[in-house]
N, C-alpha and C. Protein backbone atom coordinates (compact mmCIF):
# COMPACT_ATOMS: atom_id res chain seq x y z
N MET A 1 30.38 55.12 1.70
CA MET A 1 31.43 56.11 1.61
C MET A 1 32.75 55.43 1.95
N GLN A 2 33.78 55.64 1.16
CA GLN A 2 35.07 55.03 1.38
C GLN A 2 36.01 56.02 2.05
N GLU A 3 36.78 55.51 3.01
CA GLU A 3 37.73 56.36 3.72
C GLU A 3 39.12 55.83 3.51
N PRO A 4 40.11 56.68 3.22
CA PRO A 4 41.49 56.20 3.08
C PRO A 4 42.13 55.97 4.45
N ILE A 5 43.00 54.97 4.51
CA ILE A 5 43.71 54.64 5.74
C ILE A 5 45.20 54.66 5.40
N ALA A 6 46.00 55.30 6.25
CA ALA A 6 47.44 55.37 6.02
C ALA A 6 48.09 54.11 6.55
N THR A 7 48.97 53.50 5.76
CA THR A 7 49.74 52.32 6.15
C THR A 7 51.22 52.63 5.92
N GLU A 8 52.12 51.69 6.24
CA GLU A 8 53.55 51.92 6.07
C GLU A 8 53.92 52.03 4.60
N ASN A 9 53.27 51.27 3.73
CA ASN A 9 53.61 51.25 2.31
C ASN A 9 52.84 52.29 1.51
N GLY A 10 51.96 52.96 2.08
CA GLY A 10 51.20 53.95 1.33
C GLY A 10 49.78 54.03 1.86
N THR A 11 48.89 54.41 1.03
CA THR A 11 47.50 54.59 1.44
C THR A 11 46.67 53.40 0.94
N MET A 12 45.81 52.94 1.79
CA MET A 12 44.95 51.80 1.43
C MET A 12 43.51 52.20 1.71
N THR A 13 42.59 51.72 0.89
CA THR A 13 41.19 52.08 1.06
C THR A 13 40.42 50.86 1.58
N ILE A 14 39.60 51.04 2.58
CA ILE A 14 38.73 49.96 3.04
C ILE A 14 37.29 50.40 2.88
N ASN A 15 36.42 49.43 2.82
CA ASN A 15 35.00 49.74 2.69
C ASN A 15 34.39 49.82 4.07
N ARG A 16 33.88 50.96 4.39
CA ARG A 16 33.12 51.14 5.61
C ARG A 16 31.87 51.92 5.22
N THR A 17 30.79 51.53 5.76
CA THR A 17 29.54 52.19 5.43
C THR A 17 29.17 53.12 6.57
N ILE A 18 28.70 54.29 6.23
CA ILE A 18 28.28 55.27 7.22
C ILE A 18 26.77 55.21 7.30
N TYR A 19 26.26 54.93 8.48
CA TYR A 19 24.83 54.85 8.69
C TYR A 19 24.37 56.06 9.47
N CYS A 20 23.36 56.72 8.96
CA CYS A 20 22.76 57.85 9.66
C CYS A 20 21.26 57.64 9.71
N SER A 21 20.67 58.07 10.78
CA SER A 21 19.22 57.99 10.84
C SER A 21 18.64 59.09 9.97
N VAL A 22 17.57 58.79 9.32
CA VAL A 22 16.96 59.74 8.39
C VAL A 22 15.79 60.41 9.08
N ARG A 23 15.78 61.72 9.03
CA ARG A 23 14.66 62.48 9.57
C ARG A 23 13.86 63.04 8.42
N ARG A 24 12.63 63.30 8.66
CA ARG A 24 11.78 63.83 7.61
C ARG A 24 12.19 65.24 7.18
N ASP A 25 12.66 66.02 8.09
CA ASP A 25 13.01 67.41 7.76
C ASP A 25 14.48 67.56 7.36
N GLY A 26 15.22 66.41 7.17
CA GLY A 26 16.61 66.47 6.74
C GLY A 26 17.57 66.50 7.91
N PHE A 27 18.86 66.63 7.63
CA PHE A 27 19.91 66.64 8.65
C PHE A 27 20.39 68.06 8.91
N THR A 28 20.77 68.29 10.14
CA THR A 28 21.46 69.53 10.48
C THR A 28 22.95 69.29 10.26
N PRO A 29 23.78 70.33 10.07
CA PRO A 29 25.22 70.10 9.86
C PRO A 29 25.87 69.32 11.00
N LEU A 30 25.42 69.50 12.22
CA LEU A 30 25.99 68.78 13.35
C LEU A 30 25.65 67.29 13.27
N GLU A 31 24.43 67.00 12.87
CA GLU A 31 24.02 65.60 12.74
C GLU A 31 24.82 64.88 11.65
N LYS A 32 25.16 65.61 10.59
CA LYS A 32 25.92 64.98 9.51
C LYS A 32 27.31 64.57 9.99
N GLN A 33 27.89 65.34 10.89
CA GLN A 33 29.22 65.01 11.37
C GLN A 33 29.22 63.89 12.41
N THR A 34 28.11 63.70 13.10
CA THR A 34 28.09 62.72 14.18
C THR A 34 27.43 61.39 13.78
N CYS A 35 27.35 61.13 12.50
CA CYS A 35 26.76 59.86 12.05
C CYS A 35 27.62 58.68 12.51
N LEU A 36 26.98 57.60 12.73
CA LEU A 36 27.63 56.40 13.23
C LEU A 36 28.38 55.70 12.10
N VAL A 37 29.63 55.37 12.30
CA VAL A 37 30.43 54.66 11.30
C VAL A 37 30.56 53.22 11.76
N ARG A 38 30.19 52.28 10.89
CA ARG A 38 30.26 50.84 11.21
C ARG A 38 31.07 50.10 10.17
N GLU A 39 31.71 49.05 10.62
CA GLU A 39 32.41 48.16 9.70
C GLU A 39 31.37 47.24 9.05
N PRO A 40 31.60 46.83 7.80
CA PRO A 40 30.65 45.88 7.21
C PRO A 40 30.70 44.55 7.95
N ARG A 41 29.59 43.83 7.98
CA ARG A 41 29.53 42.54 8.66
C ARG A 41 30.41 41.52 7.96
N ARG A 42 30.99 40.70 8.76
CA ARG A 42 31.80 39.63 8.20
C ARG A 42 30.88 38.45 7.91
N PHE A 43 31.19 37.67 6.86
CA PHE A 43 30.34 36.56 6.44
C PHE A 43 30.26 35.49 7.52
N SER A 44 31.37 35.24 8.20
CA SER A 44 31.37 34.19 9.22
C SER A 44 30.45 34.52 10.39
N ASN A 45 30.27 35.79 10.69
CA ASN A 45 29.38 36.18 11.79
C ASN A 45 27.91 36.06 11.40
N SER A 46 27.60 36.26 10.14
CA SER A 46 26.20 36.29 9.73
C SER A 46 25.67 34.92 9.32
N ILE A 47 26.52 33.93 9.15
CA ILE A 47 26.06 32.62 8.70
C ILE A 47 25.38 31.82 9.81
N SER A 48 25.65 32.12 11.05
CA SER A 48 25.14 31.31 12.16
C SER A 48 23.62 31.30 12.22
N PHE A 49 22.96 32.36 11.87
CA PHE A 49 21.50 32.36 11.94
C PHE A 49 20.88 31.59 10.78
N LEU A 50 21.63 31.30 9.72
CA LEU A 50 21.09 30.57 8.58
C LEU A 50 21.13 29.05 8.79
N THR A 51 21.99 28.54 9.62
CA THR A 51 22.15 27.10 9.76
C THR A 51 21.28 26.48 10.82
N GLY A 52 20.77 27.18 11.75
CA GLY A 52 20.02 26.60 12.85
C GLY A 52 18.53 26.51 12.55
N PHE A 53 17.90 25.45 13.06
CA PHE A 53 16.45 25.29 12.97
C PHE A 53 15.88 25.43 14.37
N THR A 54 14.73 26.01 14.44
CA THR A 54 14.04 26.01 15.72
C THR A 54 13.30 24.69 15.86
N LEU A 55 12.86 24.39 17.04
CA LEU A 55 12.11 23.15 17.27
C LEU A 55 10.83 23.13 16.45
N ALA A 56 10.16 24.26 16.35
CA ALA A 56 8.92 24.33 15.57
C ALA A 56 9.18 24.05 14.10
N GLU A 57 10.28 24.58 13.57
CA GLU A 57 10.60 24.33 12.16
C GLU A 57 10.93 22.86 11.93
N ALA A 58 11.66 22.26 12.85
CA ALA A 58 12.00 20.84 12.72
C ALA A 58 10.75 19.98 12.79
N MET A 59 9.81 20.32 13.66
CA MET A 59 8.57 19.55 13.76
C MET A 59 7.74 19.69 12.49
N MET A 60 7.67 20.90 11.96
CA MET A 60 6.92 21.10 10.72
C MET A 60 7.55 20.32 9.57
N ALA A 61 8.86 20.31 9.50
CA ALA A 61 9.55 19.55 8.46
C ALA A 61 9.25 18.05 8.60
N THR A 62 9.20 17.56 9.83
CA THR A 62 8.89 16.16 10.07
C THR A 62 7.46 15.83 9.64
N VAL A 63 6.53 16.71 9.94
CA VAL A 63 5.13 16.49 9.56
C VAL A 63 4.99 16.47 8.03
N VAL A 64 5.61 17.42 7.36
CA VAL A 64 5.54 17.48 5.90
C VAL A 64 6.17 16.23 5.29
N LEU A 65 7.30 15.81 5.81
CA LEU A 65 7.96 14.61 5.31
C LEU A 65 7.09 13.37 5.56
N GLY A 66 6.45 13.29 6.71
CA GLY A 66 5.57 12.16 7.01
C GLY A 66 4.37 12.10 6.08
N ILE A 67 3.77 13.23 5.78
CA ILE A 67 2.63 13.26 4.86
C ILE A 67 3.07 12.84 3.47
N ALA A 68 4.21 13.33 3.03
CA ALA A 68 4.73 12.97 1.71
C ALA A 68 5.04 11.48 1.64
N ALA A 69 5.64 10.92 2.69
CA ALA A 69 5.96 9.50 2.72
C ALA A 69 4.69 8.65 2.70
N ALA A 70 3.67 9.06 3.43
CA ALA A 70 2.41 8.31 3.44
C ALA A 70 1.78 8.33 2.06
N GLY A 71 1.83 9.45 1.40
CA GLY A 71 1.27 9.54 0.05
C GLY A 71 2.00 8.67 -0.94
N VAL A 72 3.29 8.53 -0.76
CA VAL A 72 4.08 7.70 -1.68
C VAL A 72 3.89 6.22 -1.37
N LEU A 73 3.78 5.84 -0.10
CA LEU A 73 3.71 4.43 0.28
C LEU A 73 2.31 3.83 0.17
N LEU A 74 1.27 4.64 0.17
CA LEU A 74 -0.10 4.13 0.15
C LEU A 74 -0.38 3.22 -1.05
N PRO A 75 0.00 3.58 -2.27
CA PRO A 75 -0.26 2.67 -3.39
C PRO A 75 0.43 1.32 -3.25
N PHE A 76 1.61 1.31 -2.63
CA PHE A 76 2.33 0.05 -2.46
C PHE A 76 1.61 -0.86 -1.46
N VAL A 77 1.08 -0.29 -0.40
CA VAL A 77 0.36 -1.07 0.61
C VAL A 77 -0.91 -1.66 0.02
N SER A 78 -1.68 -0.85 -0.69
CA SER A 78 -2.92 -1.36 -1.28
C SER A 78 -2.62 -2.36 -2.39
N GLY A 79 -1.53 -2.15 -3.11
CA GLY A 79 -1.12 -3.11 -4.14
C GLY A 79 -0.77 -4.46 -3.56
N ALA A 80 -0.12 -4.46 -2.41
CA ALA A 80 0.23 -5.72 -1.74
C ALA A 80 -1.03 -6.45 -1.28
N ALA A 81 -2.03 -5.71 -0.81
CA ALA A 81 -3.28 -6.34 -0.37
C ALA A 81 -4.02 -6.95 -1.56
N VAL A 82 -4.04 -6.27 -2.69
CA VAL A 82 -4.70 -6.79 -3.89
C VAL A 82 -3.96 -8.04 -4.39
N GLN A 83 -2.65 -8.01 -4.33
CA GLN A 83 -1.87 -9.17 -4.76
C GLN A 83 -2.15 -10.38 -3.86
N ALA A 84 -2.23 -10.16 -2.56
CA ALA A 84 -2.52 -11.27 -1.64
C ALA A 84 -3.91 -11.84 -1.91
N GLU A 85 -4.89 -10.97 -2.15
CA GLU A 85 -6.24 -11.46 -2.43
C GLU A 85 -6.26 -12.26 -3.74
N GLY A 86 -5.51 -11.80 -4.73
CA GLY A 86 -5.42 -12.54 -5.99
C GLY A 86 -4.81 -13.92 -5.79
N THR A 87 -3.84 -14.01 -4.91
CA THR A 87 -3.21 -15.30 -4.62
C THR A 87 -4.21 -16.24 -3.95
N TYR A 88 -5.00 -15.72 -3.00
CA TYR A 88 -6.01 -16.55 -2.32
C TYR A 88 -7.07 -17.03 -3.30
N ARG A 89 -7.48 -16.16 -4.19
CA ARG A 89 -8.50 -16.55 -5.17
C ARG A 89 -7.97 -17.60 -6.15
N THR A 90 -6.72 -17.46 -6.55
CA THR A 90 -6.13 -18.43 -7.47
C THR A 90 -6.00 -19.79 -6.79
N LEU A 91 -5.51 -19.83 -5.56
CA LEU A 91 -5.41 -21.10 -4.85
C LEU A 91 -6.79 -21.70 -4.59
N GLY A 92 -7.77 -20.85 -4.26
CA GLY A 92 -9.13 -21.33 -4.04
C GLY A 92 -9.73 -21.92 -5.30
N ALA A 93 -9.49 -21.28 -6.44
CA ALA A 93 -9.99 -21.81 -7.72
C ALA A 93 -9.33 -23.15 -8.04
N ASN A 94 -8.06 -23.29 -7.74
CA ASN A 94 -7.38 -24.58 -7.96
C ASN A 94 -7.95 -25.67 -7.06
N LEU A 95 -8.20 -25.33 -5.79
CA LEU A 95 -8.78 -26.32 -4.87
C LEU A 95 -10.20 -26.71 -5.29
N ALA A 96 -10.99 -25.73 -5.71
CA ALA A 96 -12.36 -26.03 -6.16
C ALA A 96 -12.33 -26.86 -7.44
N GLY A 97 -11.44 -26.51 -8.35
CA GLY A 97 -11.31 -27.29 -9.60
C GLY A 97 -10.88 -28.72 -9.34
N ASP A 98 -10.01 -28.92 -8.37
CA ASP A 98 -9.56 -30.27 -8.01
C ASP A 98 -10.73 -31.13 -7.52
N LEU A 99 -11.59 -30.55 -6.68
CA LEU A 99 -12.73 -31.31 -6.15
C LEU A 99 -13.77 -31.57 -7.24
N VAL A 100 -13.97 -30.64 -8.15
CA VAL A 100 -14.90 -30.85 -9.28
C VAL A 100 -14.39 -31.99 -10.16
N GLU A 101 -13.10 -32.01 -10.41
CA GLU A 101 -12.53 -33.09 -11.24
C GLU A 101 -12.71 -34.45 -10.57
N ARG A 102 -12.56 -34.50 -9.26
CA ARG A 102 -12.80 -35.76 -8.55
C ARG A 102 -14.26 -36.19 -8.69
N ALA A 103 -15.17 -35.23 -8.60
CA ALA A 103 -16.60 -35.56 -8.73
C ALA A 103 -16.93 -36.04 -10.14
N ILE A 104 -16.35 -35.43 -11.13
CA ILE A 104 -16.61 -35.82 -12.53
C ILE A 104 -16.09 -37.22 -12.80
N ASN A 105 -14.96 -37.59 -12.20
CA ASN A 105 -14.37 -38.91 -12.44
C ASN A 105 -15.00 -40.01 -11.59
N THR A 106 -16.01 -39.66 -10.79
CA THR A 106 -16.75 -40.64 -10.00
C THR A 106 -17.88 -41.19 -10.89
N PRO A 107 -18.22 -42.47 -10.77
CA PRO A 107 -19.34 -43.00 -11.56
C PRO A 107 -20.61 -42.18 -11.33
N PHE A 108 -21.41 -41.95 -12.38
CA PHE A 108 -22.57 -41.07 -12.35
C PHE A 108 -23.52 -41.41 -11.21
N ALA A 109 -23.77 -42.67 -10.98
CA ALA A 109 -24.74 -43.09 -9.96
C ALA A 109 -24.25 -42.77 -8.54
N GLN A 110 -22.95 -42.58 -8.34
CA GLN A 110 -22.41 -42.35 -7.00
C GLN A 110 -22.06 -40.89 -6.71
N ILE A 111 -22.21 -40.02 -7.70
CA ILE A 111 -21.81 -38.61 -7.51
C ILE A 111 -22.61 -37.95 -6.39
N VAL A 112 -23.94 -38.06 -6.45
CA VAL A 112 -24.78 -37.38 -5.46
C VAL A 112 -24.54 -37.96 -4.07
N ALA A 113 -24.44 -39.28 -3.97
CA ALA A 113 -24.24 -39.92 -2.68
C ALA A 113 -22.88 -39.54 -2.07
N THR A 114 -21.87 -39.37 -2.89
CA THR A 114 -20.52 -39.09 -2.40
C THR A 114 -20.28 -37.61 -2.13
N TYR A 115 -20.75 -36.73 -2.99
CA TYR A 115 -20.35 -35.31 -2.91
C TYR A 115 -21.45 -34.34 -2.49
N ASN A 116 -22.68 -34.76 -2.39
CA ASN A 116 -23.72 -33.84 -1.93
C ASN A 116 -23.54 -33.63 -0.41
N GLY A 117 -23.29 -32.40 0.00
CA GLY A 117 -23.05 -32.09 1.41
C GLY A 117 -21.61 -32.33 1.85
N TYR A 118 -20.73 -32.57 0.92
CA TYR A 118 -19.32 -32.82 1.23
C TYR A 118 -18.67 -31.53 1.74
N THR A 119 -17.93 -31.61 2.85
CA THR A 119 -17.21 -30.45 3.40
C THR A 119 -15.83 -30.87 3.89
N GLU A 120 -14.90 -29.95 3.78
CA GLU A 120 -13.57 -30.10 4.35
C GLU A 120 -13.30 -28.83 5.15
N PRO A 121 -13.15 -28.93 6.48
CA PRO A 121 -12.92 -27.73 7.30
C PRO A 121 -11.52 -27.16 7.08
N GLN A 122 -11.27 -26.00 7.68
CA GLN A 122 -9.96 -25.36 7.55
C GLN A 122 -8.85 -26.29 8.00
N ALA A 123 -7.78 -26.26 7.25
CA ALA A 123 -6.57 -27.06 7.51
C ALA A 123 -6.83 -28.56 7.36
N GLN A 124 -7.93 -28.94 6.73
CA GLN A 124 -8.24 -30.35 6.50
C GLN A 124 -8.47 -30.64 5.03
N ILE A 125 -7.87 -29.86 4.14
CA ILE A 125 -8.02 -30.03 2.69
C ILE A 125 -7.20 -31.24 2.27
N ARG A 126 -7.83 -32.11 1.50
CA ARG A 126 -7.15 -33.34 1.03
C ARG A 126 -6.99 -33.31 -0.48
N ASP A 127 -5.89 -33.90 -0.95
CA ASP A 127 -5.68 -33.99 -2.39
C ASP A 127 -6.41 -35.21 -2.95
N ALA A 128 -6.24 -35.49 -4.24
CA ALA A 128 -6.97 -36.59 -4.89
C ALA A 128 -6.61 -37.94 -4.29
N GLY A 129 -5.41 -38.09 -3.75
CA GLY A 129 -5.00 -39.34 -3.15
C GLY A 129 -5.46 -39.49 -1.70
N GLY A 130 -6.07 -38.46 -1.12
CA GLY A 130 -6.55 -38.51 0.26
C GLY A 130 -5.59 -37.96 1.28
N ALA A 131 -4.42 -37.47 0.85
CA ALA A 131 -3.43 -36.93 1.79
C ALA A 131 -3.74 -35.46 2.06
N LEU A 132 -3.48 -35.06 3.31
CA LEU A 132 -3.71 -33.66 3.69
C LEU A 132 -2.67 -32.75 3.04
N PHE A 133 -3.13 -31.55 2.64
CA PHE A 133 -2.18 -30.52 2.20
C PHE A 133 -1.47 -30.00 3.44
N THR A 134 -0.15 -30.12 3.48
CA THR A 134 0.60 -29.69 4.66
C THR A 134 1.24 -28.31 4.48
N ASP A 135 1.19 -27.78 3.29
CA ASP A 135 1.77 -26.46 3.06
C ASP A 135 0.99 -25.41 3.85
N PRO A 136 1.68 -24.52 4.58
CA PRO A 136 0.98 -23.51 5.40
C PRO A 136 0.07 -22.58 4.60
N LYS A 137 0.32 -22.42 3.31
CA LYS A 137 -0.53 -21.51 2.53
C LYS A 137 -1.95 -22.06 2.36
N TYR A 138 -2.17 -23.36 2.63
CA TYR A 138 -3.51 -23.95 2.55
C TYR A 138 -4.18 -24.04 3.92
N ALA A 139 -3.55 -23.55 4.97
CA ALA A 139 -4.06 -23.73 6.34
C ALA A 139 -5.41 -23.06 6.58
N ARG A 140 -5.68 -21.94 5.94
CA ARG A 140 -6.94 -21.22 6.20
C ARG A 140 -8.02 -21.52 5.16
N PHE A 141 -7.76 -22.45 4.26
CA PHE A 141 -8.74 -22.80 3.23
C PHE A 141 -9.68 -23.90 3.70
N SER A 142 -10.90 -23.84 3.23
CA SER A 142 -11.87 -24.92 3.42
C SER A 142 -12.68 -24.99 2.12
N ARG A 143 -13.43 -26.08 1.94
CA ARG A 143 -14.26 -26.19 0.73
C ARG A 143 -15.46 -27.08 1.00
N SER A 144 -16.47 -26.87 0.19
CA SER A 144 -17.69 -27.66 0.31
C SER A 144 -18.24 -27.94 -1.09
N ALA A 145 -19.06 -28.97 -1.17
CA ALA A 145 -19.66 -29.35 -2.46
C ALA A 145 -21.13 -29.68 -2.26
N SER A 146 -21.90 -29.40 -3.29
CA SER A 146 -23.31 -29.79 -3.30
C SER A 146 -23.64 -30.31 -4.70
N CYS A 147 -24.56 -31.27 -4.74
CA CYS A 147 -24.96 -31.88 -6.00
C CYS A 147 -26.48 -31.97 -6.06
N GLU A 148 -27.02 -31.79 -7.25
CA GLU A 148 -28.46 -31.95 -7.42
C GLU A 148 -28.74 -32.44 -8.83
N TYR A 149 -29.80 -33.21 -8.95
CA TYR A 149 -30.20 -33.70 -10.26
C TYR A 149 -30.86 -32.57 -11.03
N VAL A 150 -30.62 -32.57 -12.32
CA VAL A 150 -31.20 -31.54 -13.19
C VAL A 150 -32.04 -32.25 -14.25
N TYR A 151 -33.30 -31.83 -14.34
CA TYR A 151 -34.21 -32.38 -15.34
C TYR A 151 -34.38 -31.36 -16.46
N MET A 152 -34.36 -31.83 -17.65
CA MET A 152 -34.56 -30.96 -18.81
C MET A 152 -36.06 -30.82 -19.06
N PRO A 153 -36.49 -29.73 -19.68
CA PRO A 153 -37.93 -29.54 -19.93
C PRO A 153 -38.55 -30.68 -20.76
N GLN A 154 -37.78 -31.32 -21.59
CA GLN A 154 -38.29 -32.41 -22.43
C GLN A 154 -38.52 -33.68 -21.62
N GLN A 155 -37.88 -33.78 -20.45
CA GLN A 155 -38.01 -34.97 -19.63
C GLN A 155 -39.24 -34.84 -18.73
N SER A 156 -39.85 -35.95 -18.49
CA SER A 156 -40.92 -35.95 -17.49
C SER A 156 -40.28 -36.29 -16.15
N GLY A 157 -40.94 -35.99 -15.06
CA GLY A 157 -40.41 -36.25 -13.73
C GLY A 157 -40.30 -37.72 -13.41
N ALA A 158 -40.93 -38.60 -14.20
CA ALA A 158 -40.92 -40.03 -13.91
C ALA A 158 -39.67 -40.72 -14.40
N THR A 159 -38.96 -40.13 -15.36
CA THR A 159 -37.77 -40.79 -15.91
C THR A 159 -36.55 -40.49 -15.05
N GLU A 160 -35.51 -41.28 -15.26
CA GLU A 160 -34.26 -41.08 -14.53
C GLU A 160 -33.58 -39.80 -15.00
N PRO A 161 -32.93 -39.06 -14.08
CA PRO A 161 -32.25 -37.83 -14.49
C PRO A 161 -31.03 -38.16 -15.35
N VAL A 162 -30.75 -37.24 -16.26
CA VAL A 162 -29.62 -37.42 -17.16
C VAL A 162 -28.44 -36.52 -16.74
N PHE A 163 -28.72 -35.47 -15.97
CA PHE A 163 -27.68 -34.51 -15.59
C PHE A 163 -27.64 -34.33 -14.07
N ILE A 164 -26.43 -34.01 -13.60
CA ILE A 164 -26.21 -33.64 -12.20
C ILE A 164 -25.41 -32.33 -12.21
N ARG A 165 -25.89 -31.37 -11.42
CA ARG A 165 -25.16 -30.10 -11.27
C ARG A 165 -24.29 -30.21 -10.01
N VAL A 166 -22.98 -30.10 -10.21
CA VAL A 166 -22.01 -30.16 -9.09
C VAL A 166 -21.51 -28.74 -8.85
N THR A 167 -21.67 -28.27 -7.63
CA THR A 167 -21.20 -26.93 -7.26
C THR A 167 -20.20 -27.08 -6.11
N VAL A 168 -19.00 -26.53 -6.32
CA VAL A 168 -17.94 -26.59 -5.31
C VAL A 168 -17.57 -25.15 -4.95
N ARG A 169 -17.49 -24.89 -3.66
CA ARG A 169 -17.10 -23.56 -3.15
C ARG A 169 -15.83 -23.71 -2.31
N ALA A 170 -14.89 -22.79 -2.56
CA ALA A 170 -13.66 -22.74 -1.75
C ALA A 170 -13.73 -21.47 -0.91
N TYR A 171 -13.29 -21.58 0.34
CA TYR A 171 -13.34 -20.47 1.30
C TYR A 171 -11.94 -20.22 1.83
N TYR A 172 -11.65 -18.95 2.08
CA TYR A 172 -10.41 -18.59 2.75
C TYR A 172 -10.78 -17.80 4.00
N GLY A 173 -10.45 -18.34 5.13
CA GLY A 173 -10.81 -17.69 6.40
C GLY A 173 -12.31 -17.56 6.58
N GLY A 174 -13.07 -18.47 6.02
CA GLY A 174 -14.53 -18.44 6.14
C GLY A 174 -15.23 -17.61 5.07
N LYS A 175 -14.48 -16.90 4.25
CA LYS A 175 -15.08 -16.08 3.19
C LYS A 175 -14.93 -16.79 1.84
N PRO A 176 -16.00 -16.83 1.03
CA PRO A 176 -15.89 -17.50 -0.27
C PRO A 176 -14.92 -16.78 -1.20
N VAL A 177 -14.01 -17.55 -1.81
CA VAL A 177 -13.06 -16.97 -2.77
C VAL A 177 -13.22 -17.55 -4.16
N ALA A 178 -13.84 -18.72 -4.29
CA ALA A 178 -14.04 -19.32 -5.60
C ALA A 178 -15.23 -20.26 -5.59
N THR A 179 -16.01 -20.24 -6.69
CA THR A 179 -17.14 -21.16 -6.85
C THR A 179 -17.08 -21.70 -8.27
N ILE A 180 -17.17 -23.00 -8.39
CA ILE A 180 -17.20 -23.65 -9.70
C ILE A 180 -18.43 -24.53 -9.77
N THR A 181 -19.20 -24.37 -10.85
CA THR A 181 -20.38 -25.19 -11.07
C THR A 181 -20.18 -25.94 -12.39
N ARG A 182 -20.46 -27.22 -12.36
CA ARG A 182 -20.27 -28.05 -13.55
C ARG A 182 -21.45 -28.96 -13.75
N LEU A 183 -21.92 -29.09 -14.96
CA LEU A 183 -23.04 -29.99 -15.29
C LEU A 183 -22.45 -31.30 -15.79
N VAL A 184 -22.78 -32.39 -15.11
CA VAL A 184 -22.25 -33.72 -15.45
C VAL A 184 -23.37 -34.52 -16.07
N SER A 185 -23.06 -35.18 -17.18
CA SER A 185 -24.08 -36.03 -17.84
C SER A 185 -23.70 -37.49 -17.70
N ARG A 186 -24.69 -38.35 -17.99
CA ARG A 186 -24.47 -39.79 -17.94
C ARG A 186 -23.41 -40.24 -18.87
């Protein structure tokens, strides 16, 4: 309901709302006259309850944000672990391949005597020239080799063997990461 207000320049209308309590059986004429008249709320007064968070709301927001962040970061963490394992396997395969090549380039009669039971402990990996690998990425690697004579079904046990099976294993932190087996002939 709008009420006119008298001013110096004339009449001005302001918005005021009349609030009355509602009864089931209606209003009496006296109740209609004594209804409470209130000014409308100002925007600046009503905004204060919209900007504040309670402690419980802030904690819930933190929990939801933490769960969302964990869900987003999990693939990156597991991807980094897979990438690191791939790097170890690649380096292990290179180290095993290097030792197999050394065994192949050894004269046939000396392969078993030189490389059967051959081991290099962690941080003691040597290159083809006999120098230690000093790069820290090789510090946890070790490798071993085994050799055995292989007889073909056509051969009798009395003749000299024609083949040697060379098996080289590379380990990272004690766990096998690469195995290479090669058949060497005379």
